[in-house]
N, C-alpha and C. Protein backbone atom coordinates (compact mmCIF):
# COMPACT_ATOMS: atom_id res chain seq x y z
N MET A 1 14.69 -7.94 -2.96
CA MET A 1 13.58 -7.59 -3.87
C MET A 1 12.29 -8.12 -3.26
N GLN A 2 11.29 -7.18 -3.20
CA GLN A 2 9.98 -7.52 -2.62
C GLN A 2 9.05 -7.83 -3.78
N ASP A 3 8.04 -8.69 -3.43
CA ASP A 3 6.97 -8.95 -4.44
C ASP A 3 5.93 -7.82 -4.29
N PHE A 4 5.99 -6.97 -5.19
CA PHE A 4 5.12 -5.72 -5.22
C PHE A 4 3.62 -6.11 -5.14
N LYS A 5 3.26 -7.28 -5.71
CA LYS A 5 1.90 -7.71 -5.71
C LYS A 5 1.32 -7.96 -4.36
N LYS A 6 2.12 -8.15 -3.35
CA LYS A 6 1.71 -8.43 -2.01
C LYS A 6 1.49 -7.08 -1.23
N LEU A 7 1.90 -6.00 -1.74
CA LEU A 7 1.86 -4.77 -1.04
C LEU A 7 0.44 -4.11 -1.19
N THR A 8 -0.17 -3.75 -0.13
CA THR A 8 -1.49 -3.16 -0.12
C THR A 8 -1.58 -1.90 -1.01
N ALA A 9 -0.43 -1.11 -0.93
CA ALA A 9 -0.41 0.13 -1.74
C ALA A 9 -0.47 -0.21 -3.25
N TRP A 10 0.16 -1.28 -3.69
CA TRP A 10 0.07 -1.66 -5.12
C TRP A 10 -1.24 -2.20 -5.40
N GLN A 11 -1.79 -3.08 -4.54
CA GLN A 11 -3.08 -3.69 -4.80
C GLN A 11 -4.19 -2.60 -4.91
N LYS A 12 -4.24 -1.66 -3.99
CA LYS A 12 -5.30 -0.66 -4.02
C LYS A 12 -5.09 0.31 -5.17
N SER A 13 -3.85 0.61 -5.46
CA SER A 13 -3.59 1.57 -6.62
C SER A 13 -3.92 0.92 -7.93
N HIS A 14 -3.68 -0.40 -8.00
CA HIS A 14 -4.00 -1.23 -9.23
C HIS A 14 -5.56 -1.18 -9.43
N VAL A 15 -6.31 -1.38 -8.42
CA VAL A 15 -7.78 -1.28 -8.46
C VAL A 15 -8.25 0.06 -8.96
N VAL A 16 -7.58 1.15 -8.42
CA VAL A 16 -7.99 2.51 -8.88
C VAL A 16 -7.71 2.61 -10.36
N THR A 17 -6.54 2.12 -10.82
CA THR A 17 -6.20 2.26 -12.17
C THR A 17 -7.19 1.49 -13.06
N LEU A 18 -7.57 0.29 -12.70
CA LEU A 18 -8.60 -0.46 -13.52
C LEU A 18 -9.91 0.31 -13.56
N GLN A 19 -10.32 0.89 -12.43
CA GLN A 19 -11.59 1.60 -12.36
C GLN A 19 -11.54 2.96 -13.19
N MET A 20 -10.23 3.56 -13.16
CA MET A 20 -10.11 4.81 -13.86
C MET A 20 -10.20 4.50 -15.37
N TYR A 21 -9.61 3.43 -15.85
CA TYR A 21 -9.76 3.03 -17.25
C TYR A 21 -11.16 2.89 -17.63
N ALA A 22 -11.93 2.14 -16.82
CA ALA A 22 -13.38 1.91 -17.12
C ALA A 22 -14.12 3.23 -17.08
N GLU A 23 -13.92 4.09 -16.13
CA GLU A 23 -14.63 5.33 -15.99
C GLU A 23 -14.36 6.28 -17.19
N THR A 24 -13.04 6.39 -17.58
CA THR A 24 -12.65 7.30 -18.62
C THR A 24 -13.07 6.86 -20.03
N ALA A 25 -13.42 5.63 -20.14
CA ALA A 25 -13.89 5.15 -21.45
C ALA A 25 -15.23 5.81 -21.83
N ASN A 26 -15.87 6.36 -20.86
CA ASN A 26 -17.12 7.16 -21.11
C ASN A 26 -16.95 8.61 -21.39
N PHE A 27 -15.64 9.07 -21.28
CA PHE A 27 -15.42 10.52 -21.50
C PHE A 27 -15.63 10.81 -23.04
N HIS A 28 -15.82 12.03 -23.33
CA HIS A 28 -16.04 12.51 -24.70
C HIS A 28 -14.85 12.16 -25.55
N ARG A 29 -15.04 11.67 -26.76
CA ARG A 29 -13.98 11.23 -27.64
C ARG A 29 -13.00 12.46 -27.82
N SER A 30 -13.38 13.69 -27.80
CA SER A 30 -12.45 14.72 -28.05
C SER A 30 -11.37 14.81 -26.95
N GLU A 31 -11.60 14.17 -25.77
CA GLU A 31 -10.69 14.15 -24.67
C GLU A 31 -9.76 12.87 -24.72
N LEU A 32 -9.85 12.08 -25.70
CA LEU A 32 -9.07 10.87 -25.77
C LEU A 32 -7.58 11.11 -25.53
N PHE A 33 -7.05 12.15 -26.21
CA PHE A 33 -5.59 12.46 -26.08
C PHE A 33 -5.35 13.52 -25.11
N GLY A 34 -6.40 13.96 -24.43
CA GLY A 34 -6.31 15.04 -23.41
C GLY A 34 -6.48 14.46 -22.00
N LEU A 35 -7.58 14.82 -21.33
CA LEU A 35 -7.83 14.40 -19.97
C LEU A 35 -7.89 12.85 -19.80
N THR A 36 -8.53 12.17 -20.70
CA THR A 36 -8.61 10.73 -20.59
C THR A 36 -7.17 10.17 -20.51
N SER A 37 -6.33 10.53 -21.44
CA SER A 37 -4.91 10.04 -21.44
C SER A 37 -4.15 10.37 -20.15
N GLN A 38 -4.28 11.65 -19.72
CA GLN A 38 -3.64 12.13 -18.54
C GLN A 38 -4.08 11.38 -17.29
N MET A 39 -5.35 11.12 -17.08
CA MET A 39 -5.87 10.48 -15.96
C MET A 39 -5.43 8.99 -15.94
N ARG A 40 -5.49 8.40 -17.07
CA ARG A 40 -4.99 7.01 -17.18
C ARG A 40 -3.47 6.87 -16.87
N ARG A 41 -2.77 7.85 -17.40
CA ARG A 41 -1.28 7.84 -17.20
C ARG A 41 -0.97 8.03 -15.77
N ALA A 42 -1.56 9.02 -15.17
CA ALA A 42 -1.32 9.32 -13.71
C ALA A 42 -1.76 8.11 -12.84
N ALA A 43 -2.87 7.53 -13.08
CA ALA A 43 -3.40 6.44 -12.36
C ALA A 43 -2.40 5.18 -12.42
N SER A 44 -2.08 4.86 -13.71
CA SER A 44 -1.18 3.66 -13.84
C SER A 44 0.31 3.98 -13.45
N SER A 45 0.67 5.19 -13.29
CA SER A 45 1.98 5.57 -12.78
C SER A 45 2.16 5.08 -11.33
N ILE A 46 1.05 5.18 -10.55
CA ILE A 46 1.16 4.89 -9.14
C ILE A 46 1.65 3.41 -8.89
N PRO A 47 0.90 2.45 -9.34
CA PRO A 47 1.32 1.07 -9.17
C PRO A 47 2.56 0.72 -9.97
N ALA A 48 2.79 1.32 -11.05
CA ALA A 48 3.94 1.07 -11.84
C ALA A 48 5.25 1.47 -11.16
N ASN A 49 5.21 2.65 -10.50
CA ASN A 49 6.33 3.02 -9.73
C ASN A 49 6.56 2.21 -8.45
N ILE A 50 5.50 1.78 -7.83
CA ILE A 50 5.65 0.85 -6.67
C ILE A 50 6.34 -0.46 -7.18
N ALA A 51 5.85 -0.99 -8.27
CA ALA A 51 6.45 -2.21 -8.78
C ALA A 51 7.92 -1.97 -9.21
N GLU A 52 8.20 -0.89 -9.84
CA GLU A 52 9.68 -0.66 -10.30
C GLU A 52 10.48 -0.50 -9.07
N GLY A 53 10.09 0.25 -8.07
CA GLY A 53 10.88 0.41 -6.87
C GLY A 53 11.17 -0.90 -6.19
N CYS A 54 10.22 -1.75 -6.09
CA CYS A 54 10.40 -3.07 -5.43
C CYS A 54 11.32 -3.96 -6.29
N CYS A 55 11.39 -3.82 -7.54
CA CYS A 55 12.19 -4.70 -8.38
C CYS A 55 13.66 -4.30 -8.55
N HIS A 56 13.87 -2.97 -8.23
CA HIS A 56 15.26 -2.55 -8.42
C HIS A 56 16.10 -2.93 -7.23
N GLY A 57 15.46 -3.15 -6.13
CA GLY A 57 16.22 -3.53 -4.91
C GLY A 57 16.74 -2.39 -4.19
N GLY A 58 16.79 -2.46 -2.77
CA GLY A 58 17.29 -1.47 -2.01
C GLY A 58 16.37 -0.35 -1.53
N GLU A 59 16.46 -0.04 -0.32
CA GLU A 59 15.55 0.98 0.28
C GLU A 59 15.60 2.32 -0.42
N PRO A 60 16.78 2.81 -0.68
CA PRO A 60 16.77 4.20 -1.28
C PRO A 60 16.05 4.26 -2.56
N THR A 61 16.26 3.20 -3.44
CA THR A 61 15.55 3.24 -4.72
C THR A 61 14.04 3.02 -4.53
N LEU A 62 13.63 2.22 -3.62
CA LEU A 62 12.19 1.98 -3.37
C LEU A 62 11.66 3.35 -2.84
N ALA A 63 12.28 3.98 -1.87
CA ALA A 63 11.80 5.25 -1.35
C ALA A 63 11.60 6.32 -2.49
N ARG A 64 12.59 6.37 -3.43
CA ARG A 64 12.47 7.36 -4.47
C ARG A 64 11.28 7.07 -5.36
N HIS A 65 11.06 5.80 -5.63
CA HIS A 65 9.82 5.38 -6.51
C HIS A 65 8.53 5.58 -5.74
N LEU A 66 8.58 5.39 -4.45
CA LEU A 66 7.34 5.73 -3.62
C LEU A 66 7.02 7.19 -3.65
N ARG A 67 7.99 8.05 -3.64
CA ARG A 67 7.83 9.50 -3.76
C ARG A 67 7.28 9.82 -5.09
N ILE A 68 7.72 9.23 -6.14
CA ILE A 68 7.14 9.42 -7.49
C ILE A 68 5.76 8.97 -7.50
N ALA A 69 5.39 7.87 -6.94
CA ALA A 69 4.04 7.36 -6.91
C ALA A 69 3.13 8.31 -6.12
N LEU A 70 3.68 8.89 -5.04
CA LEU A 70 2.86 9.92 -4.35
C LEU A 70 2.53 11.14 -5.24
N GLY A 71 3.50 11.58 -5.96
CA GLY A 71 3.35 12.70 -6.89
C GLY A 71 2.33 12.38 -7.92
N SER A 72 2.34 11.14 -8.48
CA SER A 72 1.36 10.77 -9.45
C SER A 72 -0.08 10.69 -8.83
N ALA A 73 -0.13 10.29 -7.57
CA ALA A 73 -1.41 10.25 -6.90
C ALA A 73 -1.98 11.66 -6.66
N GLY A 74 -1.05 12.64 -6.35
CA GLY A 74 -1.45 14.01 -6.29
C GLY A 74 -2.02 14.59 -7.60
N GLU A 75 -1.23 14.21 -8.63
CA GLU A 75 -1.66 14.64 -9.93
C GLU A 75 -3.04 14.05 -10.36
N LEU A 76 -3.23 12.80 -10.03
CA LEU A 76 -4.49 12.17 -10.37
C LEU A 76 -5.66 12.75 -9.55
N GLU A 77 -5.36 13.18 -8.30
CA GLU A 77 -6.35 13.81 -7.48
C GLU A 77 -6.78 15.16 -8.11
N TYR A 78 -5.85 15.90 -8.69
CA TYR A 78 -6.25 17.17 -9.40
C TYR A 78 -7.02 16.76 -10.61
N TYR A 79 -6.71 15.82 -11.40
CA TYR A 79 -7.45 15.44 -12.60
C TYR A 79 -8.89 15.02 -12.26
N ILE A 80 -9.05 14.43 -11.12
CA ILE A 80 -10.44 14.06 -10.69
C ILE A 80 -11.24 15.30 -10.42
N ILE A 81 -10.60 16.28 -9.78
CA ILE A 81 -11.34 17.52 -9.53
C ILE A 81 -11.70 18.19 -10.87
N LEU A 82 -10.71 18.22 -11.85
CA LEU A 82 -10.95 18.82 -13.14
C LEU A 82 -12.06 18.15 -13.88
N ALA A 83 -12.00 16.87 -13.90
CA ALA A 83 -13.00 16.02 -14.60
C ALA A 83 -14.39 16.28 -14.07
N ALA A 84 -14.50 16.41 -12.74
CA ALA A 84 -15.78 16.64 -12.09
C ALA A 84 -16.26 18.13 -12.40
N ASP A 85 -15.35 19.00 -12.41
CA ASP A 85 -15.76 20.49 -12.77
C ASP A 85 -16.22 20.56 -14.14
N LEU A 86 -15.62 19.72 -15.05
CA LEU A 86 -16.05 19.76 -16.46
C LEU A 86 -17.23 18.79 -16.77
N LYS A 87 -17.75 18.26 -15.63
CA LYS A 87 -18.95 17.36 -15.81
C LYS A 87 -18.64 16.08 -16.48
N PHE A 88 -17.35 15.62 -16.56
CA PHE A 88 -17.04 14.29 -17.16
C PHE A 88 -17.25 13.22 -16.20
N LEU A 89 -17.02 13.52 -14.88
CA LEU A 89 -17.28 12.66 -13.81
C LEU A 89 -18.43 13.12 -12.99
N SER A 90 -19.31 12.18 -12.51
CA SER A 90 -20.41 12.58 -11.59
C SER A 90 -19.76 13.00 -10.25
N SER A 91 -20.48 13.59 -9.46
CA SER A 91 -19.92 14.00 -8.10
C SER A 91 -19.79 12.72 -7.23
N ASN A 92 -20.61 11.67 -7.54
CA ASN A 92 -20.45 10.47 -6.74
C ASN A 92 -19.12 9.73 -7.19
N ALA A 93 -18.92 9.66 -8.51
CA ALA A 93 -17.65 9.05 -8.97
C ALA A 93 -16.37 9.79 -8.50
N ALA A 94 -16.52 11.06 -8.60
CA ALA A 94 -15.39 11.91 -8.16
C ALA A 94 -15.12 11.73 -6.67
N SER A 95 -16.14 11.65 -5.87
CA SER A 95 -15.99 11.41 -4.47
C SER A 95 -15.39 10.05 -4.14
N LYS A 96 -15.81 9.08 -4.86
CA LYS A 96 -15.33 7.67 -4.66
C LYS A 96 -13.88 7.64 -5.02
N PHE A 97 -13.50 8.17 -6.14
CA PHE A 97 -12.12 8.22 -6.59
C PHE A 97 -11.25 9.01 -5.66
N THR A 98 -11.72 10.13 -5.16
CA THR A 98 -10.97 10.94 -4.22
C THR A 98 -10.62 10.23 -2.93
N THR A 99 -11.65 9.54 -2.48
CA THR A 99 -11.50 8.76 -1.21
C THR A 99 -10.47 7.63 -1.45
N GLN A 100 -10.50 6.98 -2.61
CA GLN A 100 -9.61 5.86 -2.92
C GLN A 100 -8.21 6.38 -2.99
N VAL A 101 -8.04 7.49 -3.76
CA VAL A 101 -6.70 8.01 -3.94
C VAL A 101 -6.11 8.52 -2.59
N THR A 102 -6.93 9.10 -1.81
CA THR A 102 -6.49 9.61 -0.50
C THR A 102 -6.01 8.47 0.34
N GLU A 103 -6.74 7.28 0.25
CA GLU A 103 -6.33 6.09 1.00
C GLU A 103 -5.06 5.54 0.46
N VAL A 104 -4.85 5.58 -0.80
CA VAL A 104 -3.58 5.12 -1.44
C VAL A 104 -2.43 5.93 -1.02
N LYS A 105 -2.71 7.33 -1.04
CA LYS A 105 -1.62 8.18 -0.56
C LYS A 105 -1.21 7.94 0.92
N ARG A 106 -2.19 7.65 1.68
CA ARG A 106 -1.91 7.39 3.16
C ARG A 106 -1.08 6.12 3.28
N ILE A 107 -1.48 5.07 2.55
CA ILE A 107 -0.69 3.80 2.60
C ILE A 107 0.68 3.98 2.09
N ILE A 108 0.86 4.72 1.03
CA ILE A 108 2.18 4.84 0.45
C ILE A 108 3.04 5.70 1.40
N THR A 109 2.46 6.73 2.01
CA THR A 109 3.24 7.50 2.99
C THR A 109 3.71 6.68 4.17
N GLY A 110 2.82 5.76 4.67
CA GLY A 110 3.19 4.89 5.71
C GLY A 110 4.36 3.93 5.31
N LEU A 111 4.21 3.39 4.10
CA LEU A 111 5.27 2.55 3.55
C LEU A 111 6.53 3.28 3.35
N LEU A 112 6.54 4.52 2.94
CA LEU A 112 7.60 5.31 2.69
C LEU A 112 8.41 5.62 4.05
N LYS A 113 7.62 5.88 5.10
CA LYS A 113 8.18 6.10 6.41
C LYS A 113 8.92 4.83 6.89
N GLN A 114 8.31 3.67 6.69
CA GLN A 114 8.85 2.35 7.09
C GLN A 114 10.22 2.14 6.29
N VAL A 115 10.17 2.27 5.09
CA VAL A 115 11.39 2.10 4.15
C VAL A 115 12.46 3.09 4.53
N THR A 116 12.07 4.24 4.85
CA THR A 116 13.11 5.27 5.14
C THR A 116 13.71 4.95 6.58
N ALA A 117 12.92 4.49 7.45
CA ALA A 117 13.42 4.11 8.79
C ALA A 117 14.39 2.90 8.58
N GLU A 118 14.01 1.98 7.81
CA GLU A 118 14.88 0.80 7.61
C GLU A 118 16.18 1.17 6.92
N SER A 119 16.09 2.08 6.01
CA SER A 119 17.27 2.59 5.28
C SER A 119 18.25 3.29 6.28
N ASN A 120 17.68 4.03 7.22
CA ASN A 120 18.44 4.84 8.18
C ASN A 120 19.14 3.90 9.21
N ARG A 121 18.47 2.70 9.44
CA ARG A 121 19.07 1.78 10.42
C ARG A 121 20.28 1.09 9.81
N ASN A 122 20.31 0.95 8.48
CA ASN A 122 21.38 0.18 7.83
C ASN A 122 22.57 1.01 7.55
């Protein structure tokens, strides 16, 4: 069992989640159960799946949860585009979030390759 809090992927995705909660607090109230909820759910799913995969033990389980985290990151990336197109996010905020999510995806992909390689060696 790994300490998920030590993983860069978890740390950076947790920061994105905190920032996403803060940013979506400014969205129109009519979106509370729509885009606001979806963006928060997708963002928090990334570090949550990393944590869950680390705590279940075993490379195959971790790899599965890392793939789910990657899917959530892709989903969040789309919601950022949608929120910017709807003018809920400024272009600067959307660009910042996109850069952060892209970095998180890159780190998770690297971790997934490492975990998969370790699993194949065993």
